[in-house]
Every structure is written in C-alpha cells, then in structure tokens.
Amino acid sequence: MSLRDRARRRLAPVAELDRARLADRYTGLGVTQLRDAPLREPCRVAGEVQGIRVVPRAGSPSLEVTVSDGTGRAVAVFLGRRRLPGLDVGRGVVLQGVARKDGGRTLLLNPAYTLLPH
C-alpha cells in the first residue's frame, strides 16, 4: 500500500471505508450487486446483515433482515418467522429470490438463504 493510499484511508469517512470493505467482501461470489438487483426477476445477491427486527404482518410475525453489500441495501422478509438460527447482525449471507420495491425499500419475500463463513 502506497503512502498516498494510506493517507487517503486515514482521511476517509468511516461510512466510506465500510462501503469499500463490504464491496470487497462480496466480490467474486457470482452475485448481483444490490444496487443493480433486477425487480420482479429471480436474482442472487449477497451482503452483511445490518439489522434484524420482528414485525407483525397480517396477524403473524415476520422477520425483517436488512442486508448491505456496500452498493445498496435490501430487506429480506421471512413470513411467519421470529428468528432464523445463525442469522445474526454482522453475518454474511447470500439471498436468492425475487426483488421488488415497497415504500422505497428493496424487498425479497421468503428468499432462499445461505450463511457465509465468518
């Protein structure tokens, strides 16, 4: 790493460094970047879990998992679930499903998921 690169890293905002770290982590997995995820078509995306919450939908719980890959965010909604073993904040995950927009958010309903090693 050159002196210029080190100086740039030292002066870069934390959010920018985090985006770069995430973008590097999910390169080479054969996935679509979240910012480029096609709507209403099957897609395969990957990212780091940024947040998890349980939200009531139509009288039953739904687990909403927010995922980021440094280029964008998506919310995976698992209907009828309160938790998924192994799915924790900071964990890498690959999601396969159909993306759609809902209130400005990109949603994937009941996607297939694969946990990535820590």
N, C-alpha and C. Protein backbone atom coordinates (compact mmCIF):
# COMPACT_ATOMS: atom_id res chain seq x y z
N MET A 1 0.85 -1.17 0.00
CA MET A 1 0.00 0.00 0.00
C MET A 1 0.90 1.24 0.00
N SER A 2 0.65 2.15 -0.91
CA SER A 2 1.48 3.34 -1.03
C SER A 2 1.15 4.35 0.07
N LEU A 3 2.01 5.29 0.23
CA LEU A 3 1.83 6.35 1.22
C LEU A 3 0.56 7.14 0.92
N ARG A 4 0.31 7.39 -0.35
CA ARG A 4 -0.90 8.13 -0.76
C ARG A 4 -2.16 7.35 -0.38
N ASP A 5 -2.16 6.02 -0.60
CA ASP A 5 -3.31 5.20 -0.24
C ASP A 5 -3.54 5.22 1.27
N ARG A 6 -2.46 5.13 2.04
CA ARG A 6 -2.59 5.17 3.50
C ARG A 6 -3.16 6.50 3.97
N ALA A 7 -2.70 7.59 3.37
CA ALA A 7 -3.21 8.90 3.75
C ALA A 7 -4.68 9.03 3.39
N ARG A 8 -5.06 8.53 2.22
CA ARG A 8 -6.45 8.59 1.78
C ARG A 8 -7.34 7.79 2.74
N ARG A 9 -6.88 6.61 3.14
CA ARG A 9 -7.65 5.78 4.07
C ARG A 9 -7.81 6.46 5.42
N ARG A 10 -6.75 7.12 5.87
CA ARG A 10 -6.79 7.77 7.17
C ARG A 10 -7.78 8.93 7.17
N LEU A 11 -7.92 9.61 6.04
CA LEU A 11 -8.80 10.78 5.96
C LEU A 11 -10.21 10.45 5.50
N ALA A 12 -10.46 9.23 5.05
CA ALA A 12 -11.77 8.85 4.54
C ALA A 12 -12.77 8.69 5.69
N PRO A 13 -14.03 9.09 5.47
CA PRO A 13 -15.05 8.89 6.50
C PRO A 13 -15.28 7.39 6.75
N VAL A 14 -15.69 7.07 7.96
CA VAL A 14 -15.91 5.68 8.36
C VAL A 14 -16.94 5.01 7.45
N ALA A 15 -18.01 5.70 7.09
CA ALA A 15 -19.04 5.11 6.24
C ALA A 15 -18.47 4.71 4.88
N GLU A 16 -17.58 5.54 4.34
CA GLU A 16 -16.97 5.24 3.05
C GLU A 16 -16.07 4.00 3.15
N LEU A 17 -15.31 3.91 4.23
CA LEU A 17 -14.46 2.74 4.45
C LEU A 17 -15.29 1.47 4.61
N ASP A 18 -16.43 1.59 5.30
CA ASP A 18 -17.31 0.43 5.49
C ASP A 18 -17.89 -0.03 4.16
N ARG A 19 -18.30 0.91 3.32
CA ARG A 19 -18.83 0.56 1.99
C ARG A 19 -17.77 -0.16 1.16
N ALA A 20 -16.54 0.33 1.21
CA ALA A 20 -15.45 -0.30 0.46
C ALA A 20 -15.16 -1.70 0.99
N ARG A 21 -15.19 -1.87 2.31
CA ARG A 21 -14.95 -3.18 2.92
C ARG A 21 -16.01 -4.18 2.47
N LEU A 22 -17.27 -3.74 2.49
CA LEU A 22 -18.36 -4.64 2.09
C LEU A 22 -18.27 -4.98 0.60
N ALA A 23 -17.98 -3.98 -0.22
CA ALA A 23 -17.89 -4.23 -1.66
C ALA A 23 -16.78 -5.24 -1.96
N ASP A 24 -15.66 -5.15 -1.27
CA ASP A 24 -14.56 -6.10 -1.46
C ASP A 24 -14.94 -7.49 -0.98
N ARG A 25 -15.66 -7.56 0.13
CA ARG A 25 -16.01 -8.86 0.73
C ARG A 25 -16.90 -9.70 -0.18
N TYR A 26 -17.81 -9.08 -0.91
CA TYR A 26 -18.78 -9.84 -1.70
C TYR A 26 -18.47 -9.87 -3.19
N THR A 27 -17.29 -9.46 -3.57
CA THR A 27 -16.85 -9.56 -4.95
C THR A 27 -16.41 -11.00 -5.21
N GLY A 28 -16.73 -11.53 -6.36
CA GLY A 28 -16.27 -12.86 -6.72
C GLY A 28 -17.17 -13.99 -6.28
N LEU A 29 -18.36 -13.69 -5.75
CA LEU A 29 -19.29 -14.74 -5.34
C LEU A 29 -20.31 -15.08 -6.43
N GLY A 30 -20.21 -14.40 -7.55
CA GLY A 30 -21.16 -14.66 -8.63
C GLY A 30 -22.55 -14.12 -8.32
N VAL A 31 -22.60 -12.99 -7.62
CA VAL A 31 -23.88 -12.40 -7.24
C VAL A 31 -24.03 -11.03 -7.89
N THR A 32 -25.26 -10.56 -7.95
CA THR A 32 -25.57 -9.23 -8.45
C THR A 32 -25.41 -8.23 -7.32
N GLN A 33 -24.84 -7.08 -7.59
CA GLN A 33 -24.75 -6.04 -6.56
C GLN A 33 -26.16 -5.57 -6.23
N LEU A 34 -26.40 -5.20 -4.99
CA LEU A 34 -27.75 -4.80 -4.57
C LEU A 34 -28.27 -3.60 -5.35
N ARG A 35 -27.40 -2.68 -5.71
CA ARG A 35 -27.88 -1.51 -6.46
C ARG A 35 -28.36 -1.90 -7.85
N ASP A 36 -27.88 -3.04 -8.37
CA ASP A 36 -28.25 -3.49 -9.71
C ASP A 36 -29.25 -4.64 -9.71
N ALA A 37 -29.79 -4.99 -8.54
CA ALA A 37 -30.71 -6.13 -8.45
C ALA A 37 -31.95 -5.87 -9.32
N PRO A 38 -32.25 -6.77 -10.24
CA PRO A 38 -33.42 -6.57 -11.09
C PRO A 38 -34.71 -6.76 -10.30
N LEU A 39 -35.71 -5.98 -10.63
CA LEU A 39 -37.00 -6.10 -9.96
C LEU A 39 -37.89 -7.10 -10.69
N ARG A 40 -38.65 -7.85 -9.93
CA ARG A 40 -39.62 -8.84 -10.44
C ARG A 40 -38.98 -9.91 -11.31
N GLU A 41 -37.72 -10.21 -11.04
CA GLU A 41 -37.00 -11.30 -11.70
C GLU A 41 -36.18 -12.03 -10.65
N PRO A 42 -35.97 -13.32 -10.83
CA PRO A 42 -35.10 -14.02 -9.87
C PRO A 42 -33.70 -13.42 -9.87
N CYS A 43 -33.15 -13.26 -8.68
CA CYS A 43 -31.80 -12.72 -8.56
C CYS A 43 -31.08 -13.38 -7.38
N ARG A 44 -29.77 -13.23 -7.39
CA ARG A 44 -28.92 -13.77 -6.32
C ARG A 44 -28.02 -12.63 -5.87
N VAL A 45 -28.20 -12.23 -4.60
CA VAL A 45 -27.44 -11.12 -4.04
C VAL A 45 -26.77 -11.57 -2.74
N ALA A 46 -25.78 -10.81 -2.30
CA ALA A 46 -25.10 -11.13 -1.05
C ALA A 46 -24.84 -9.85 -0.29
N GLY A 47 -24.70 -9.97 1.02
CA GLY A 47 -24.40 -8.81 1.84
C GLY A 47 -24.22 -9.19 3.29
N GLU A 48 -23.96 -8.19 4.07
CA GLU A 48 -23.78 -8.36 5.51
C GLU A 48 -25.06 -7.93 6.21
N VAL A 49 -25.50 -8.71 7.19
CA VAL A 49 -26.71 -8.38 7.93
C VAL A 49 -26.43 -7.12 8.76
N GLN A 50 -27.23 -6.09 8.51
CA GLN A 50 -27.09 -4.80 9.21
C GLN A 50 -28.10 -4.65 10.34
N GLY A 51 -29.23 -5.33 10.23
CA GLY A 51 -30.27 -5.21 11.25
C GLY A 51 -31.29 -6.32 11.12
N ILE A 52 -31.88 -6.67 12.26
CA ILE A 52 -32.91 -7.71 12.30
C ILE A 52 -34.04 -7.20 13.20
N ARG A 53 -35.29 -7.35 12.74
CA ARG A 53 -36.43 -6.99 13.58
C ARG A 53 -37.62 -7.86 13.25
N VAL A 54 -38.48 -8.04 14.24
CA VAL A 54 -39.71 -8.81 14.06
C VAL A 54 -40.85 -7.81 13.91
N VAL A 55 -41.62 -7.97 12.83
CA VAL A 55 -42.71 -7.05 12.52
C VAL A 55 -43.99 -7.85 12.32
N PRO A 56 -45.09 -7.45 12.96
CA PRO A 56 -46.34 -8.17 12.71
C PRO A 56 -46.89 -7.83 11.32
N ARG A 57 -47.27 -8.85 10.57
CA ARG A 57 -47.89 -8.66 9.25
C ARG A 57 -49.09 -9.57 9.17
N ALA A 58 -50.25 -9.00 8.98
CA ALA A 58 -51.48 -9.78 8.82
C ALA A 58 -51.68 -10.76 9.97
N GLY A 59 -51.35 -10.30 11.18
CA GLY A 59 -51.62 -11.12 12.36
C GLY A 59 -50.56 -12.15 12.70
N SER A 60 -49.52 -12.30 11.90
CA SER A 60 -48.46 -13.25 12.24
C SER A 60 -47.11 -12.53 12.15
N PRO A 61 -46.12 -13.03 12.87
CA PRO A 61 -44.83 -12.33 12.86
C PRO A 61 -44.09 -12.52 11.54
N SER A 62 -43.28 -11.54 11.23
CA SER A 62 -42.38 -11.60 10.07
C SER A 62 -41.02 -11.11 10.52
N LEU A 63 -40.00 -11.81 10.09
CA LEU A 63 -38.64 -11.42 10.40
C LEU A 63 -38.11 -10.59 9.23
N GLU A 64 -37.70 -9.35 9.53
CA GLU A 64 -37.13 -8.48 8.50
C GLU A 64 -35.63 -8.38 8.75
N VAL A 65 -34.86 -8.78 7.74
CA VAL A 65 -33.40 -8.78 7.84
C VAL A 65 -32.86 -7.79 6.81
N THR A 66 -32.22 -6.72 7.28
CA THR A 66 -31.65 -5.72 6.39
C THR A 66 -30.22 -6.12 6.06
N VAL A 67 -29.92 -6.16 4.76
CA VAL A 67 -28.63 -6.61 4.26
C VAL A 67 -28.01 -5.50 3.40
N SER A 68 -26.69 -5.32 3.54
CA SER A 68 -25.98 -4.32 2.73
C SER A 68 -24.72 -4.94 2.15
N ASP A 69 -24.41 -4.56 0.91
CA ASP A 69 -23.18 -5.04 0.27
C ASP A 69 -22.24 -3.89 -0.08
N GLY A 70 -22.51 -2.71 0.44
CA GLY A 70 -21.67 -1.55 0.15
C GLY A 70 -22.18 -0.73 -1.02
N THR A 71 -23.00 -1.34 -1.88
CA THR A 71 -23.55 -0.61 -3.03
C THR A 71 -25.01 -0.27 -2.81
N GLY A 72 -25.67 -0.94 -1.90
CA GLY A 72 -27.08 -0.72 -1.64
C GLY A 72 -27.56 -1.59 -0.49
N ARG A 73 -28.86 -1.49 -0.23
CA ARG A 73 -29.47 -2.26 0.85
C ARG A 73 -30.70 -2.98 0.32
N ALA A 74 -31.01 -4.09 0.98
CA ALA A 74 -32.23 -4.83 0.70
C ALA A 74 -32.75 -5.39 2.01
N VAL A 75 -34.05 -5.65 2.05
CA VAL A 75 -34.67 -6.23 3.23
C VAL A 75 -35.25 -7.58 2.82
N ALA A 76 -34.76 -8.63 3.47
CA ALA A 76 -35.30 -9.97 3.28
C ALA A 76 -36.39 -10.16 4.32
N VAL A 77 -37.61 -10.50 3.87
CA VAL A 77 -38.74 -10.69 4.78
C VAL A 77 -39.09 -12.17 4.80
N PHE A 78 -38.99 -12.75 5.99
CA PHE A 78 -39.32 -14.16 6.19
C PHE A 78 -40.65 -14.21 6.93
N LEU A 79 -41.71 -14.53 6.21
CA LEU A 79 -43.06 -14.53 6.77
C LEU A 79 -43.23 -15.68 7.76
N GLY A 80 -43.90 -15.39 8.89
CA GLY A 80 -44.19 -16.41 9.88
C GLY A 80 -43.01 -16.81 10.73
N ARG A 81 -41.93 -16.05 10.70
CA ARG A 81 -40.72 -16.40 11.47
C ARG A 81 -40.41 -15.31 12.48
N ARG A 82 -39.89 -15.72 13.61
CA ARG A 82 -39.41 -14.77 14.62
C ARG A 82 -37.88 -14.72 14.63
N ARG A 83 -37.24 -15.80 14.21
CA ARG A 83 -35.78 -15.83 14.12
C ARG A 83 -35.35 -16.96 13.19
N LEU A 84 -34.14 -16.86 12.70
CA LEU A 84 -33.52 -17.90 11.90
C LEU A 84 -32.17 -18.21 12.53
N PRO A 85 -31.94 -19.45 12.93
CA PRO A 85 -30.68 -19.79 13.58
C PRO A 85 -29.47 -19.45 12.70
N GLY A 86 -28.48 -18.83 13.31
CA GLY A 86 -27.26 -18.48 12.60
C GLY A 86 -27.29 -17.13 11.92
N LEU A 87 -28.46 -16.56 11.76
CA LEU A 87 -28.60 -15.27 11.08
C LEU A 87 -28.53 -14.16 12.13
N ASP A 88 -27.36 -13.54 12.25
CA ASP A 88 -27.11 -12.51 13.24
C ASP A 88 -26.52 -11.28 12.57
N VAL A 89 -26.59 -10.15 13.26
CA VAL A 89 -26.01 -8.91 12.75
C VAL A 89 -24.51 -9.12 12.55
N GLY A 90 -24.02 -8.70 11.39
CA GLY A 90 -22.61 -8.84 11.04
C GLY A 90 -22.30 -10.09 10.24
N ARG A 91 -23.26 -10.99 10.11
CA ARG A 91 -23.04 -12.24 9.38
C ARG A 91 -23.26 -12.01 7.89
N GLY A 92 -22.44 -12.62 7.07
CA GLY A 92 -22.60 -12.56 5.62
C GLY A 92 -23.62 -13.58 5.17
N VAL A 93 -24.40 -13.22 4.17
CA VAL A 93 -25.47 -14.10 3.69
C VAL A 93 -25.67 -13.89 2.18
N VAL A 94 -25.97 -14.99 1.50
CA VAL A 94 -26.36 -14.93 0.09
C VAL A 94 -27.86 -15.18 0.04
N LEU A 95 -28.58 -14.32 -0.67
CA LEU A 95 -30.04 -14.43 -0.79
C LEU A 95 -30.42 -14.69 -2.23
N GLN A 96 -31.35 -15.61 -2.43
CA GLN A 96 -31.89 -15.89 -3.76
C GLN A 96 -33.40 -15.73 -3.70
N GLY A 97 -33.92 -14.85 -4.56
CA GLY A 97 -35.35 -14.62 -4.59
C GLY A 97 -35.70 -13.60 -5.64
N VAL A 98 -36.90 -13.06 -5.51
CA VAL A 98 -37.39 -12.05 -6.45
C VAL A 98 -37.50 -10.73 -5.70
N ALA A 99 -36.80 -9.72 -6.19
CA ALA A 99 -36.79 -8.40 -5.54
C ALA A 99 -37.95 -7.57 -6.05
N ARG A 100 -38.45 -6.71 -5.15
CA ARG A 100 -39.48 -5.75 -5.53
C ARG A 100 -39.31 -4.51 -4.68
N LYS A 101 -39.86 -3.40 -5.12
CA LYS A 101 -39.80 -2.15 -4.37
C LYS A 101 -41.06 -2.02 -3.52
N ASP A 102 -40.88 -1.53 -2.29
CA ASP A 102 -42.01 -1.29 -1.40
C ASP A 102 -41.65 -0.09 -0.53
N GLY A 103 -42.29 1.03 -0.78
CA GLY A 103 -42.01 2.23 0.01
C GLY A 103 -40.58 2.70 -0.08
N GLY A 104 -39.94 2.55 -1.23
CA GLY A 104 -38.57 2.98 -1.40
C GLY A 104 -37.53 1.95 -0.98
N ARG A 105 -37.98 0.83 -0.41
CA ARG A 105 -37.05 -0.23 0.00
C ARG A 105 -37.11 -1.37 -1.01
N THR A 106 -35.98 -2.05 -1.17
CA THR A 106 -35.95 -3.26 -1.99
C THR A 106 -36.23 -4.43 -1.08
N LEU A 107 -37.28 -5.20 -1.39
CA LEU A 107 -37.69 -6.33 -0.56
C LEU A 107 -37.52 -7.64 -1.32
N LEU A 108 -37.17 -8.68 -0.58
CA LEU A 108 -37.19 -10.05 -1.10
C LEU A 108 -38.05 -10.85 -0.12
N LEU A 109 -39.17 -11.38 -0.58
CA LEU A 109 -40.06 -12.15 0.28
C LEU A 109 -39.67 -13.61 0.30
N ASN A 110 -39.46 -14.13 1.51
CA ASN A 110 -39.10 -15.54 1.73
C ASN A 110 -38.00 -16.04 0.79
N PRO A 111 -36.87 -15.33 0.74
CA PRO A 111 -35.79 -15.79 -0.16
C PRO A 111 -35.10 -17.03 0.41
N ALA A 112 -34.50 -17.80 -0.47
CA ALA A 112 -33.60 -18.86 -0.02
C ALA A 112 -32.34 -18.15 0.46
N TYR A 113 -31.71 -18.68 1.48
CA TYR A 113 -30.52 -18.02 2.01
C TYR A 113 -29.44 -19.03 2.32
N THR A 114 -28.20 -18.58 2.20
CA THR A 114 -27.02 -19.37 2.53
C THR A 114 -26.15 -18.49 3.42
N LEU A 115 -25.83 -19.01 4.59
CA LEU A 115 -24.94 -18.29 5.51
C LEU A 115 -23.51 -18.44 5.05
N LEU A 116 -22.78 -17.34 5.07
CA LEU A 116 -21.36 -17.36 4.69
C LEU A 116 -20.50 -17.52 5.94
N PRO A 117 -19.33 -18.13 5.80
CA PRO A 117 -18.46 -18.26 6.96
C PRO A 117 -18.04 -16.90 7.50
N HIS A 118 -17.80 -16.83 8.78
CA HIS A 118 -17.40 -15.55 9.41
C HIS A 118 -16.13 -15.07 8.86
